[in-house]
Amino acid sequence: MKKSIYLFIFALCVLASSCTMMVKGFAKLLVKNYNDYTSTHISDIQIVDLKGKHQTFGDLYNGKTVYLYVWKDKKLSAEHEKEYLLLKERFAKYPDVVFANLCVGSDTSANVNRLVDNDSSAEFRKILKISDPAPFIIGKDGAILSYKGPKPEDKIIVDYVICQAMKGEDGTKSAKRFIRGVNGNSQFKSVKLIEWYTDHFGKAPSNKLSMSLSSTN
C-alpha cells in the first residue's frame, strides 16, 4: 500500500453527481484528523536551531503561523522540495507566516532544527507517529492547528488552510469548508472562496481548477 495516496479531487470523477459526492466524501475523510491535537501547544518545546543554539519554539516563532515539516530520518524528496519552494514563494508576501523544519530523529546536520529530547517535548513526541516527512501547521499561540496537514503539492487547498490558520482556524474546519465550496465542474461556488483566490493568487480562478489532496502515514 502506498504511503501517500493522491486523490485528485474535483479534477477527476466529476461526470456524475453521485460520483462527485463520493469523491468529496473521501476528501473529507482525509482532512478529518487535521484537528486531532488542537489542544496541544508546542511553544515550550526546546529545539536546537540552525546555529546550534537551544531555544524554545515559542521564542523562535513568537506570533507567527508556522508551516512546520517534521521528519525522523527521511527528508523531503526532490519533487516535494520543488513544490515546497513554490509554496514558500506564494507566501513570501505574508510577514506572519514562517516555513520551518524540525528533525525528531538522529539527524545532526547543521541545516535543520532538531528537537531536544527532554521533558519539554514529551507530549509532542507522543503524537509523532510518522514514517514519511509530515507537515504540521502551528498557530500563533503555539497550538497544532493541522496535524499531518495538507502538503505543498496539495494544490490550492494547502494555501487556503494556511491562510485560515493565520486567523486561528484549525485545518479540518477550513479544509471541509473548501471542499464544500467547490462544485462538480471543478469551480468555486462560494463567492468568498473566489475573493480569497483572487486576492491570494493575484488573478481570478480559472474555469476548471486543478486541485489535489493527499494523506501522510
N, C-alpha and C. Protein backbone atom coordinates (compact mmCIF):
# COMPACT_ATOMS: atom_id res chain seq x y z
N MET A 1 0.84 -1.20 0.00
CA MET A 1 0.00 0.00 0.00
C MET A 1 0.87 1.24 0.00
N LYS A 2 0.58 2.16 -0.85
CA LYS A 2 1.39 3.35 -0.94
C LYS A 2 1.25 4.18 0.32
N LYS A 3 2.35 4.78 0.71
CA LYS A 3 2.34 5.58 1.93
C LYS A 3 1.66 6.92 1.69
N SER A 4 1.65 7.37 0.47
CA SER A 4 0.98 8.62 0.15
C SER A 4 -0.06 8.37 -0.91
N ILE A 5 -1.32 8.63 -0.60
CA ILE A 5 -2.42 8.36 -1.52
C ILE A 5 -2.92 9.68 -2.08
N TYR A 6 -2.82 9.82 -3.39
CA TYR A 6 -3.22 11.06 -4.02
C TYR A 6 -4.62 10.93 -4.59
N LEU A 7 -5.49 11.82 -4.18
CA LEU A 7 -6.84 11.87 -4.70
C LEU A 7 -6.99 13.19 -5.44
N PHE A 8 -7.08 13.14 -6.73
CA PHE A 8 -7.23 14.37 -7.49
C PHE A 8 -8.71 14.75 -7.47
N ILE A 9 -9.09 15.29 -6.33
CA ILE A 9 -10.48 15.60 -6.14
C ILE A 9 -10.89 16.75 -7.04
N PHE A 10 -12.11 16.66 -7.48
CA PHE A 10 -12.73 17.67 -8.31
C PHE A 10 -12.18 17.69 -9.74
N ALA A 11 -10.95 17.26 -9.94
CA ALA A 11 -10.37 17.25 -11.28
C ALA A 11 -10.75 15.96 -12.01
N LEU A 12 -11.00 14.90 -11.25
CA LEU A 12 -11.39 13.62 -11.82
C LEU A 12 -12.75 13.22 -11.26
N CYS A 13 -13.42 12.32 -11.95
CA CYS A 13 -14.65 11.72 -11.44
C CYS A 13 -15.73 12.76 -11.16
N VAL A 14 -15.97 13.66 -12.11
CA VAL A 14 -16.98 14.70 -11.90
C VAL A 14 -18.11 14.61 -12.92
N LEU A 15 -18.18 13.50 -13.64
CA LEU A 15 -19.20 13.39 -14.67
C LEU A 15 -20.58 13.13 -14.09
N ALA A 16 -20.65 12.48 -12.95
CA ALA A 16 -21.93 12.18 -12.33
C ALA A 16 -21.98 12.79 -10.94
N SER A 17 -23.15 13.31 -10.56
CA SER A 17 -23.26 13.98 -9.27
C SER A 17 -22.98 13.01 -8.13
N SER A 18 -23.42 11.75 -8.27
CA SER A 18 -23.18 10.78 -7.21
C SER A 18 -21.70 10.51 -7.04
N CYS A 19 -20.96 10.50 -8.15
CA CYS A 19 -19.51 10.27 -8.09
C CYS A 19 -18.83 11.45 -7.42
N THR A 20 -19.30 12.66 -7.73
CA THR A 20 -18.73 13.85 -7.12
C THR A 20 -18.92 13.82 -5.61
N MET A 21 -20.10 13.42 -5.18
CA MET A 21 -20.38 13.33 -3.75
C MET A 21 -19.46 12.31 -3.08
N MET A 22 -19.21 11.20 -3.78
CA MET A 22 -18.34 10.17 -3.24
C MET A 22 -16.92 10.69 -3.08
N VAL A 23 -16.42 11.40 -4.11
CA VAL A 23 -15.07 11.95 -4.05
C VAL A 23 -14.95 12.98 -2.94
N LYS A 24 -15.97 13.82 -2.80
CA LYS A 24 -15.96 14.79 -1.71
C LYS A 24 -15.96 14.09 -0.36
N GLY A 25 -16.69 12.98 -0.29
CA GLY A 25 -16.71 12.22 0.95
C GLY A 25 -15.34 11.69 1.31
N PHE A 26 -14.61 11.16 0.33
CA PHE A 26 -13.25 10.69 0.56
C PHE A 26 -12.35 11.85 1.00
N ALA A 27 -12.52 12.99 0.35
CA ALA A 27 -11.70 14.15 0.68
C ALA A 27 -11.92 14.58 2.13
N LYS A 28 -13.18 14.58 2.57
CA LYS A 28 -13.47 14.96 3.95
C LYS A 28 -12.88 13.97 4.94
N LEU A 29 -12.81 12.71 4.55
CA LEU A 29 -12.19 11.71 5.42
C LEU A 29 -10.70 11.98 5.59
N LEU A 30 -10.06 12.45 4.50
CA LEU A 30 -8.63 12.72 4.56
C LEU A 30 -8.30 13.89 5.49
N VAL A 31 -9.21 14.84 5.61
CA VAL A 31 -8.90 16.04 6.39
C VAL A 31 -9.50 16.00 7.80
N LYS A 32 -10.24 14.94 8.12
CA LYS A 32 -10.96 14.93 9.39
C LYS A 32 -10.03 14.86 10.60
N ASN A 33 -8.80 14.40 10.40
CA ASN A 33 -7.86 14.28 11.53
C ASN A 33 -6.92 15.47 11.68
N TYR A 34 -7.04 16.44 10.79
CA TYR A 34 -6.17 17.61 10.89
C TYR A 34 -6.27 18.26 12.27
N ASN A 35 -7.46 18.23 12.86
CA ASN A 35 -7.67 18.94 14.12
C ASN A 35 -7.58 18.04 15.35
N ASP A 36 -6.91 16.89 15.21
CA ASP A 36 -6.84 15.94 16.33
C ASP A 36 -6.14 16.48 17.57
N TYR A 37 -5.20 17.41 17.38
CA TYR A 37 -4.37 17.85 18.52
C TYR A 37 -4.36 19.36 18.67
N THR A 38 -5.52 19.98 18.44
CA THR A 38 -5.58 21.44 18.56
C THR A 38 -5.38 21.90 20.01
N SER A 39 -5.57 21.00 20.96
CA SER A 39 -5.36 21.36 22.37
C SER A 39 -3.90 21.21 22.79
N THR A 40 -3.08 20.68 21.87
CA THR A 40 -1.65 20.52 22.16
C THR A 40 -0.88 21.75 21.70
N HIS A 41 -0.16 22.35 22.61
CA HIS A 41 0.64 23.53 22.30
C HIS A 41 2.13 23.16 22.38
N ILE A 42 2.91 23.68 21.46
CA ILE A 42 4.34 23.30 21.43
C ILE A 42 5.27 24.49 21.63
N SER A 43 4.73 25.59 22.13
CA SER A 43 5.58 26.77 22.33
C SER A 43 6.76 26.50 23.25
N ASP A 44 6.57 25.58 24.20
CA ASP A 44 7.61 25.35 25.21
C ASP A 44 8.61 24.25 24.84
N ILE A 45 8.39 23.56 23.72
CA ILE A 45 9.36 22.52 23.36
C ILE A 45 10.70 23.17 23.04
N GLN A 46 11.76 22.51 23.40
CA GLN A 46 13.10 23.04 23.17
C GLN A 46 13.71 22.44 21.91
N ILE A 47 14.31 23.28 21.11
CA ILE A 47 14.95 22.81 19.88
C ILE A 47 16.35 23.40 19.79
N VAL A 48 17.17 22.72 19.02
CA VAL A 48 18.49 23.24 18.68
C VAL A 48 18.35 23.87 17.30
N ASP A 49 18.53 25.18 17.21
CA ASP A 49 18.27 25.88 15.96
C ASP A 49 19.42 25.70 14.96
N LEU A 50 19.31 26.36 13.83
CA LEU A 50 20.29 26.21 12.75
C LEU A 50 21.70 26.64 13.16
N LYS A 51 21.79 27.47 14.20
CA LYS A 51 23.09 27.94 14.66
C LYS A 51 23.61 27.12 15.84
N GLY A 52 22.87 26.06 16.19
CA GLY A 52 23.29 25.22 17.30
C GLY A 52 22.88 25.74 18.65
N LYS A 53 22.02 26.74 18.69
CA LYS A 53 21.59 27.36 19.93
C LYS A 53 20.30 26.71 20.43
N HIS A 54 20.20 26.47 21.72
CA HIS A 54 18.98 25.93 22.32
C HIS A 54 17.97 27.06 22.53
N GLN A 55 16.77 26.86 21.97
CA GLN A 55 15.71 27.85 22.12
C GLN A 55 14.38 27.12 22.23
N THR A 56 13.37 27.82 22.75
CA THR A 56 12.04 27.24 22.72
C THR A 56 11.40 27.58 21.38
N PHE A 57 10.45 26.77 20.99
CA PHE A 57 9.73 27.02 19.73
C PHE A 57 9.06 28.39 19.78
N GLY A 58 8.49 28.71 20.93
CA GLY A 58 7.80 29.99 21.09
C GLY A 58 8.72 31.19 20.93
N ASP A 59 9.95 31.07 21.42
CA ASP A 59 10.91 32.16 21.28
C ASP A 59 11.27 32.37 19.81
N LEU A 60 11.43 31.28 19.10
CA LEU A 60 11.81 31.37 17.70
C LEU A 60 10.71 31.92 16.81
N TYR A 61 9.47 31.51 17.08
CA TYR A 61 8.37 31.82 16.16
C TYR A 61 7.22 32.53 16.85
N ASN A 62 7.53 33.38 17.77
CA ASN A 62 6.51 34.10 18.53
C ASN A 62 5.62 34.92 17.60
N GLY A 63 4.31 34.71 17.70
CA GLY A 63 3.36 35.48 16.91
C GLY A 63 3.30 35.11 15.44
N LYS A 64 3.88 33.98 15.08
CA LYS A 64 3.90 33.55 13.69
C LYS A 64 3.04 32.30 13.48
N THR A 65 2.46 32.20 12.30
CA THR A 65 1.85 30.95 11.86
C THR A 65 2.95 30.16 11.18
N VAL A 66 3.18 28.94 11.64
CA VAL A 66 4.34 28.17 11.17
C VAL A 66 3.89 26.93 10.39
N TYR A 67 4.34 26.85 9.15
CA TYR A 67 4.16 25.62 8.37
C TYR A 67 5.40 24.79 8.65
N LEU A 68 5.23 23.76 9.47
CA LEU A 68 6.36 23.03 10.03
C LEU A 68 6.45 21.62 9.45
N TYR A 69 7.55 21.35 8.74
CA TYR A 69 7.77 19.99 8.24
C TYR A 69 8.58 19.22 9.27
N VAL A 70 8.03 18.08 9.70
CA VAL A 70 8.66 17.25 10.73
C VAL A 70 9.08 15.93 10.12
N TRP A 71 10.28 15.48 10.41
CA TRP A 71 10.71 14.16 9.94
C TRP A 71 11.63 13.50 10.95
N LYS A 72 11.76 12.19 10.80
CA LYS A 72 12.69 11.44 11.66
C LYS A 72 14.01 11.26 10.93
N ASP A 73 14.03 10.38 9.96
CA ASP A 73 15.27 10.14 9.21
C ASP A 73 15.12 10.43 7.72
N LYS A 74 13.92 10.25 7.19
CA LYS A 74 13.69 10.56 5.78
C LYS A 74 13.47 12.05 5.61
N LYS A 75 14.02 12.60 4.54
CA LYS A 75 13.83 14.01 4.24
C LYS A 75 12.89 14.14 3.03
N LEU A 76 12.61 15.37 2.67
CA LEU A 76 11.73 15.61 1.53
C LEU A 76 12.37 15.12 0.25
N SER A 77 11.55 14.52 -0.61
CA SER A 77 12.04 14.10 -1.92
C SER A 77 12.24 15.32 -2.80
N ALA A 78 12.88 15.12 -3.94
CA ALA A 78 13.13 16.24 -4.86
C ALA A 78 11.84 16.88 -5.32
N GLU A 79 10.81 16.05 -5.59
CA GLU A 79 9.52 16.58 -6.04
C GLU A 79 8.86 17.38 -4.93
N HIS A 80 8.94 16.86 -3.70
CA HIS A 80 8.39 17.60 -2.56
C HIS A 80 9.12 18.93 -2.40
N GLU A 81 10.42 18.91 -2.53
CA GLU A 81 11.22 20.13 -2.37
C GLU A 81 10.78 21.20 -3.38
N LYS A 82 10.53 20.78 -4.61
CA LYS A 82 10.12 21.73 -5.66
C LYS A 82 8.80 22.39 -5.28
N GLU A 83 7.81 21.59 -4.89
CA GLU A 83 6.51 22.14 -4.53
C GLU A 83 6.60 22.96 -3.25
N TYR A 84 7.47 22.55 -2.35
CA TYR A 84 7.67 23.26 -1.09
C TYR A 84 8.21 24.66 -1.34
N LEU A 85 9.18 24.77 -2.22
CA LEU A 85 9.75 26.07 -2.55
C LEU A 85 8.71 26.97 -3.22
N LEU A 86 7.89 26.40 -4.08
CA LEU A 86 6.83 27.18 -4.74
C LEU A 86 5.82 27.69 -3.72
N LEU A 87 5.49 26.84 -2.75
CA LEU A 87 4.57 27.24 -1.69
C LEU A 87 5.15 28.39 -0.88
N LYS A 88 6.42 28.30 -0.54
CA LYS A 88 7.08 29.36 0.21
C LYS A 88 7.06 30.67 -0.57
N GLU A 89 7.26 30.57 -1.87
CA GLU A 89 7.24 31.77 -2.71
C GLU A 89 5.87 32.44 -2.68
N ARG A 90 4.81 31.63 -2.70
CA ARG A 90 3.46 32.19 -2.71
C ARG A 90 3.14 32.90 -1.40
N PHE A 91 3.79 32.49 -0.31
CA PHE A 91 3.51 33.09 0.98
C PHE A 91 4.57 34.10 1.42
N ALA A 92 5.46 34.43 0.53
CA ALA A 92 6.51 35.39 0.88
C ALA A 92 5.94 36.77 1.21
N LYS A 93 4.75 37.07 0.73
CA LYS A 93 4.14 38.38 0.96
C LYS A 93 3.46 38.48 2.32
N TYR A 94 3.40 37.37 3.05
CA TYR A 94 2.76 37.38 4.37
C TYR A 94 3.83 37.37 5.46
N PRO A 95 4.05 38.48 6.14
CA PRO A 95 5.12 38.55 7.14
C PRO A 95 4.88 37.68 8.37
N ASP A 96 3.64 37.28 8.60
CA ASP A 96 3.37 36.48 9.80
C ASP A 96 3.28 34.99 9.53
N VAL A 97 3.76 34.55 8.35
CA VAL A 97 3.83 33.12 8.03
C VAL A 97 5.29 32.72 7.88
N VAL A 98 5.67 31.66 8.56
CA VAL A 98 7.05 31.17 8.54
C VAL A 98 7.06 29.71 8.13
N PHE A 99 8.04 29.33 7.34
CA PHE A 99 8.23 27.93 6.95
C PHE A 99 9.46 27.41 7.67
N ALA A 100 9.30 26.28 8.35
CA ALA A 100 10.40 25.75 9.15
C ALA A 100 10.41 24.23 9.08
N ASN A 101 11.51 23.65 9.52
CA ASN A 101 11.61 22.19 9.57
C ASN A 101 12.09 21.77 10.94
N LEU A 102 11.82 20.52 11.28
CA LEU A 102 12.20 20.02 12.59
C LEU A 102 12.51 18.53 12.49
N CYS A 103 13.72 18.17 12.82
CA CYS A 103 14.11 16.76 12.83
C CYS A 103 13.90 16.20 14.23
N VAL A 104 13.15 15.10 14.32
CA VAL A 104 12.90 14.48 15.62
C VAL A 104 13.63 13.14 15.72
N GLY A 105 14.52 12.88 14.76
CA GLY A 105 15.26 11.63 14.74
C GLY A 105 16.72 11.84 15.07
N SER A 106 17.57 11.12 14.35
CA SER A 106 19.00 11.13 14.67
C SER A 106 19.82 12.08 13.81
N ASP A 107 19.19 12.81 12.91
CA ASP A 107 19.92 13.71 12.02
C ASP A 107 20.56 14.84 12.82
N THR A 108 21.84 15.00 12.70
CA THR A 108 22.55 16.06 13.42
C THR A 108 23.17 17.08 12.48
N SER A 109 22.68 17.12 11.24
CA SER A 109 23.23 18.07 10.27
C SER A 109 22.91 19.49 10.72
N ALA A 110 23.72 20.42 10.25
CA ALA A 110 23.64 21.80 10.72
C ALA A 110 22.50 22.59 10.09
N ASN A 111 21.88 22.06 9.03
CA ASN A 111 20.88 22.85 8.30
C ASN A 111 19.45 22.50 8.66
N VAL A 112 19.23 21.88 9.80
CA VAL A 112 17.88 21.58 10.26
C VAL A 112 17.76 21.87 11.75
N ASN A 113 16.55 22.26 12.15
CA ASN A 113 16.27 22.37 13.57
C ASN A 113 16.11 20.96 14.14
N ARG A 114 16.57 20.75 15.35
CA ARG A 114 16.44 19.43 15.97
C ARG A 114 15.69 19.53 17.28
N LEU A 115 14.79 18.58 17.49
CA LEU A 115 14.02 18.54 18.72
C LEU A 115 14.86 17.99 19.86
N VAL A 116 14.91 18.71 20.96
CA VAL A 116 15.65 18.26 22.14
C VAL A 116 14.82 17.21 22.86
N ASP A 117 15.44 16.11 23.17
CA ASP A 117 14.73 15.01 23.83
C ASP A 117 14.78 15.21 25.35
N ASN A 118 13.82 15.97 25.85
CA ASN A 118 13.72 16.19 27.29
C ASN A 118 12.24 16.33 27.66
N ASP A 119 11.97 16.72 28.87
CA ASP A 119 10.58 16.78 29.35
C ASP A 119 9.72 17.75 28.54
N SER A 120 10.33 18.79 28.00
CA SER A 120 9.55 19.79 27.27
C SER A 120 8.89 19.22 26.01
N SER A 121 9.50 18.18 25.45
CA SER A 121 8.98 17.61 24.20
C SER A 121 8.23 16.30 24.39
N ALA A 122 8.06 15.87 25.63
CA ALA A 122 7.46 14.55 25.90
C ALA A 122 6.07 14.43 25.30
N GLU A 123 5.21 15.43 25.51
CA GLU A 123 3.85 15.37 24.99
C GLU A 123 3.83 15.40 23.47
N PHE A 124 4.69 16.22 22.89
CA PHE A 124 4.76 16.32 21.44
C PHE A 124 5.22 15.01 20.83
N ARG A 125 6.21 14.38 21.42
CA ARG A 125 6.74 13.13 20.88
C ARG A 125 5.70 12.01 20.88
N LYS A 126 4.77 12.05 21.81
CA LYS A 126 3.75 11.02 21.89
C LYS A 126 2.87 10.97 20.65
N ILE A 127 2.72 12.09 19.97
CA ILE A 127 1.83 12.13 18.80
C ILE A 127 2.60 12.05 17.48
N LEU A 128 3.91 11.93 17.55
CA LEU A 128 4.72 11.92 16.34
C LEU A 128 4.84 10.51 15.76
N LYS A 129 3.72 9.99 15.31
CA LYS A 129 3.70 8.68 14.66
C LYS A 129 3.79 8.90 13.15
N ILE A 130 4.99 9.16 12.68
CA ILE A 130 5.19 9.49 11.26
C ILE A 130 6.26 8.59 10.67
N SER A 131 6.01 8.15 9.45
CA SER A 131 7.01 7.37 8.73
C SER A 131 7.67 8.23 7.65
N ASP A 132 6.85 9.01 6.95
CA ASP A 132 7.37 9.97 5.96
C ASP A 132 7.37 11.37 6.57
N PRO A 133 8.12 12.29 5.99
CA PRO A 133 8.05 13.67 6.47
C PRO A 133 6.61 14.17 6.48
N ALA A 134 6.20 14.81 7.56
CA ALA A 134 4.80 15.23 7.71
C ALA A 134 4.70 16.72 7.99
N PRO A 135 3.76 17.40 7.34
CA PRO A 135 3.56 18.81 7.59
C PRO A 135 2.60 19.07 8.75
N PHE A 136 2.96 20.00 9.59
CA PHE A 136 2.09 20.47 10.67
C PHE A 136 1.91 21.97 10.47
N ILE A 137 0.76 22.49 10.86
CA ILE A 137 0.57 23.93 10.86
C ILE A 137 0.36 24.36 12.30
N ILE A 138 1.23 25.23 12.78
CA ILE A 138 1.21 25.69 14.16
C ILE A 138 0.67 27.12 14.20
N GLY A 139 -0.33 27.34 15.05
CA GLY A 139 -0.92 28.66 15.17
C GLY A 139 -0.03 29.64 15.90
N LYS A 140 -0.43 30.88 15.89
CA LYS A 140 0.37 31.94 16.50
C LYS A 140 0.51 31.78 18.01
N ASP A 141 -0.42 31.01 18.60
CA ASP A 141 -0.34 30.75 20.04
C ASP A 141 0.37 29.45 20.36
N GLY A 142 0.92 28.78 19.33
CA GLY A 142 1.64 27.53 19.54
C GLY A 142 0.80 26.28 19.44
N ALA A 143 -0.50 26.41 19.16
CA ALA A 143 -1.38 25.26 19.04
C ALA A 143 -1.19 24.56 17.70
N ILE A 144 -1.34 23.23 17.69
CA ILE A 144 -1.26 22.47 16.45
C ILE A 144 -2.60 22.58 15.74
N LEU A 145 -2.68 23.43 14.73
CA LEU A 145 -3.94 23.64 14.01
C LEU A 145 -4.15 22.59 12.92
N SER A 146 -3.07 22.03 12.42
CA SER A 146 -3.18 20.95 11.43
C SER A 146 -2.14 19.89 11.73
N TYR A 147 -2.63 18.70 12.03
CA TYR A 147 -1.78 17.54 12.31
C TYR A 147 -1.70 16.69 11.05
N LYS A 148 -0.49 16.45 10.56
CA LYS A 148 -0.31 15.79 9.26
C LYS A 148 -1.19 16.47 8.22
N GLY A 149 -1.05 17.77 8.17
CA GLY A 149 -1.92 18.59 7.35
C GLY A 149 -1.64 18.52 5.87
N PRO A 150 -2.21 19.44 5.10
CA PRO A 150 -2.03 19.42 3.65
C PRO A 150 -0.57 19.63 3.25
N LYS A 151 -0.17 18.94 2.19
CA LYS A 151 1.20 19.01 1.72
C LYS A 151 1.38 20.13 0.69
N PRO A 152 2.62 20.49 0.39
CA PRO A 152 2.85 21.52 -0.62
C PRO A 152 2.24 21.20 -1.97
N GLU A 153 2.18 19.90 -2.32
CA GLU A 153 1.62 19.52 -3.62
C GLU A 153 0.10 19.43 -3.61
N ASP A 154 -0.53 19.66 -2.47
CA ASP A 154 -1.99 19.68 -2.40
C ASP A 154 -2.49 21.03 -2.88
N LYS A 155 -2.52 21.16 -4.17
CA LYS A 155 -2.72 22.46 -4.82
C LYS A 155 -3.98 23.17 -4.35
N ILE A 156 -3.83 24.42 -4.08
CA ILE A 156 -4.87 25.37 -3.67
C ILE A 156 -5.33 25.11 -2.24
N ILE A 157 -5.64 23.87 -1.92
CA ILE A 157 -6.15 23.56 -0.58
C ILE A 157 -5.13 23.92 0.49
N VAL A 158 -3.86 23.59 0.27
CA VAL A 158 -2.84 23.90 1.26
C VAL A 158 -2.74 25.41 1.47
N ASP A 159 -2.87 26.18 0.41
CA ASP A 159 -2.82 27.64 0.52
C ASP A 159 -3.98 28.15 1.38
N TYR A 160 -5.16 27.61 1.12
CA TYR A 160 -6.35 28.07 1.86
C TYR A 160 -6.24 27.72 3.34
N VAL A 161 -5.80 26.51 3.63
CA VAL A 161 -5.70 26.09 5.03
C VAL A 161 -4.67 26.93 5.78
N ILE A 162 -3.56 27.25 5.15
CA ILE A 162 -2.56 28.11 5.80
C ILE A 162 -3.13 29.51 6.03
N CYS A 163 -3.82 30.04 5.02
CA CYS A 163 -4.40 31.38 5.16
C CYS A 163 -5.40 31.43 6.31
N GLN A 164 -6.21 30.38 6.45
CA GLN A 164 -7.17 30.35 7.53
C GLN A 164 -6.50 30.13 8.88
N ALA A 165 -5.38 29.40 8.87
CA ALA A 165 -4.63 29.21 10.11
C ALA A 165 -4.08 30.53 10.63
N MET A 166 -3.81 31.46 9.73
CA MET A 166 -3.37 32.78 10.14
C MET A 166 -4.42 33.47 11.00
N LYS A 167 -5.68 33.05 10.82
CA LYS A 167 -6.80 33.61 11.60
C LYS A 167 -7.13 32.74 12.81
N GLY A 168 -6.35 31.66 13.01
CA GLY A 168 -6.55 30.80 14.16
C GLY A 168 -7.50 29.65 13.93
N GLU A 169 -7.87 29.39 12.67
CA GLU A 169 -8.82 28.31 12.38
C GLU A 169 -8.09 27.00 12.14
N ASP A 170 -8.65 25.91 12.67
CA ASP A 170 -7.99 24.62 12.50
C ASP A 170 -8.17 24.08 11.09
N GLY A 171 -7.29 23.15 10.71
CA GLY A 171 -7.24 22.67 9.34
C GLY A 171 -8.45 21.88 8.90
N THR A 172 -9.05 21.10 9.80
CA THR A 172 -10.23 20.33 9.42
C THR A 172 -11.38 21.25 9.04
N LYS A 173 -11.61 22.26 9.84
CA LYS A 173 -12.71 23.18 9.58
C LYS A 173 -12.53 23.92 8.26
N SER A 174 -11.32 24.43 8.03
CA SER A 174 -11.08 25.20 6.81
C SER A 174 -11.08 24.31 5.57
N ALA A 175 -10.48 23.12 5.68
CA ALA A 175 -10.43 22.21 4.52
C ALA A 175 -11.82 21.73 4.14
N LYS A 176 -12.66 21.42 5.12
CA LYS A 176 -14.03 20.99 4.81
C LYS A 176 -14.82 22.13 4.17
N ARG A 177 -14.61 23.34 4.64
CA ARG A 177 -15.29 24.48 4.01
C ARG A 177 -14.87 24.61 2.54
N PHE A 178 -13.59 24.42 2.31
CA PHE A 178 -13.08 24.50 0.94
C PHE A 178 -13.73 23.43 0.07
N ILE A 179 -13.78 22.21 0.56
CA ILE A 179 -14.35 21.10 -0.20
C ILE A 179 -15.82 21.36 -0.52
N ARG A 180 -16.55 21.87 0.46
CA ARG A 180 -17.97 22.18 0.22
C ARG A 180 -18.14 23.29 -0.80
N GLY A 181 -17.13 24.16 -0.89
CA GLY A 181 -17.25 25.34 -1.75
C GLY A 181 -16.89 25.12 -3.20
N VAL A 182 -16.65 23.86 -3.59
CA VAL A 182 -16.30 23.54 -4.98
C VAL A 182 -17.38 22.63 -5.56
N ASN A 183 -17.83 22.93 -6.78
CA ASN A 183 -18.88 22.12 -7.38
C ASN A 183 -18.32 20.99 -8.24
N GLY A 184 -19.20 20.23 -8.87
CA GLY A 184 -18.80 19.07 -9.66
C GLY A 184 -18.07 19.41 -10.93
N ASN A 185 -18.05 20.68 -11.31
CA ASN A 185 -17.32 21.11 -12.51
C ASN A 185 -15.97 21.73 -12.16
N SER A 186 -15.50 21.44 -10.97
CA SER A 186 -14.21 21.96 -10.50
C SER A 186 -14.16 23.48 -10.52
N GLN A 187 -15.25 24.08 -10.06
CA GLN A 187 -15.34 25.53 -9.99
C GLN A 187 -15.80 25.93 -8.58
N PHE A 188 -15.39 27.11 -8.16
CA PHE A 188 -15.85 27.62 -6.88
C PHE A 188 -17.32 27.99 -6.98
N LYS A 189 -18.09 27.57 -6.00
CA LYS A 189 -19.48 28.01 -5.91
C LYS A 189 -19.67 29.00 -4.77
N SER A 190 -18.57 29.27 -4.08
CA SER A 190 -18.58 30.21 -2.96
C SER A 190 -17.94 31.53 -3.38
N VAL A 191 -18.68 32.63 -3.20
CA VAL A 191 -18.15 33.95 -3.53
C VAL A 191 -16.93 34.27 -2.68
N LYS A 192 -16.98 33.87 -1.41
CA LYS A 192 -15.85 34.15 -0.52
C LYS A 192 -14.59 33.43 -0.97
N LEU A 193 -14.74 32.20 -1.48
CA LEU A 193 -13.57 31.47 -1.98
C LEU A 193 -13.02 32.13 -3.24
N ILE A 194 -13.90 32.62 -4.09
CA ILE A 194 -13.46 33.33 -5.30
C ILE A 194 -12.67 34.57 -4.90
N GLU A 195 -13.19 35.30 -3.93
CA GLU A 195 -12.50 36.51 -3.47
C GLU A 195 -11.15 36.17 -2.84
N TRP A 196 -11.14 35.09 -2.03
CA TRP A 196 -9.87 34.69 -1.42
C TRP A 196 -8.85 34.31 -2.49
N TYR A 197 -9.25 33.49 -3.45
CA TYR A 197 -8.34 33.04 -4.50
C TYR A 197 -7.78 34.24 -5.27
N THR A 198 -8.65 35.16 -5.64
CA THR A 198 -8.22 36.31 -6.43
C THR A 198 -7.22 37.16 -5.67
N ASP A 199 -7.46 37.33 -4.37
CA ASP A 199 -6.55 38.13 -3.55
C ASP A 199 -5.23 37.41 -3.34
N HIS A 200 -5.29 36.11 -3.05
CA HIS A 200 -4.08 35.35 -2.73
C HIS A 200 -3.19 35.11 -3.95
N PHE A 201 -3.81 34.69 -5.06
CA PHE A 201 -3.04 34.35 -6.25
C PHE A 201 -2.88 35.52 -7.21
N GLY A 202 -3.58 36.61 -6.96
CA GLY A 202 -3.44 37.79 -7.80
C GLY A 202 -4.11 37.66 -9.14
N LYS A 203 -5.07 36.75 -9.26
CA LYS A 203 -5.82 36.58 -10.50
C LYS A 203 -7.11 35.84 -10.19
N ALA A 204 -8.07 35.96 -11.09
CA ALA A 204 -9.34 35.27 -10.91
C ALA A 204 -9.16 33.78 -11.15
N PRO A 205 -9.94 32.94 -10.48
CA PRO A 205 -9.81 31.49 -10.69
C PRO A 205 -10.20 31.10 -12.11
N SER A 206 -9.57 30.06 -12.63
CA SER A 206 -9.86 29.59 -13.98
C SER A 206 -11.19 28.86 -14.01
N ASN A 207 -11.67 28.56 -15.21
CA ASN A 207 -12.95 27.88 -15.35
C ASN A 207 -12.93 26.47 -14.77
N LYS A 208 -11.76 25.84 -14.78
CA LYS A 208 -11.64 24.49 -14.23
C LYS A 208 -10.38 24.44 -13.38
N LEU A 209 -10.56 24.42 -12.09
CA LEU A 209 -9.43 24.47 -11.17
C LEU A 209 -8.71 23.13 -11.10
N SER A 210 -7.40 23.19 -10.93
CA SER A 210 -6.60 21.99 -10.75
C SER A 210 -6.26 21.84 -9.28
N MET A 211 -6.86 20.85 -8.61
CA MET A 211 -6.69 20.69 -7.17
C MET A 211 -6.37 19.23 -6.84
N SER A 212 -5.74 19.03 -5.72
CA SER A 212 -5.44 17.68 -5.28
C SER A 212 -5.37 17.64 -3.77
N LEU A 213 -5.44 16.43 -3.24
CA LEU A 213 -5.37 16.24 -1.81
C LEU A 213 -4.69 14.91 -1.54
N SER A 214 -3.86 14.84 -0.51
CA SER A 214 -3.12 13.62 -0.24
C SER A 214 -3.07 13.35 1.26
N SER A 215 -2.62 12.16 1.61
CA SER A 215 -2.53 11.80 3.02
C SER A 215 -1.08 11.50 3.39
N THR A 216 -0.80 11.56 4.68
CA THR A 216 0.53 11.22 5.19
C THR A 216 0.38 10.12 6.22
N ASN A 217 1.16 9.06 6.06
CA ASN A 217 1.12 7.98 7.03
C ASN A 217 2.05 8.27 8.21
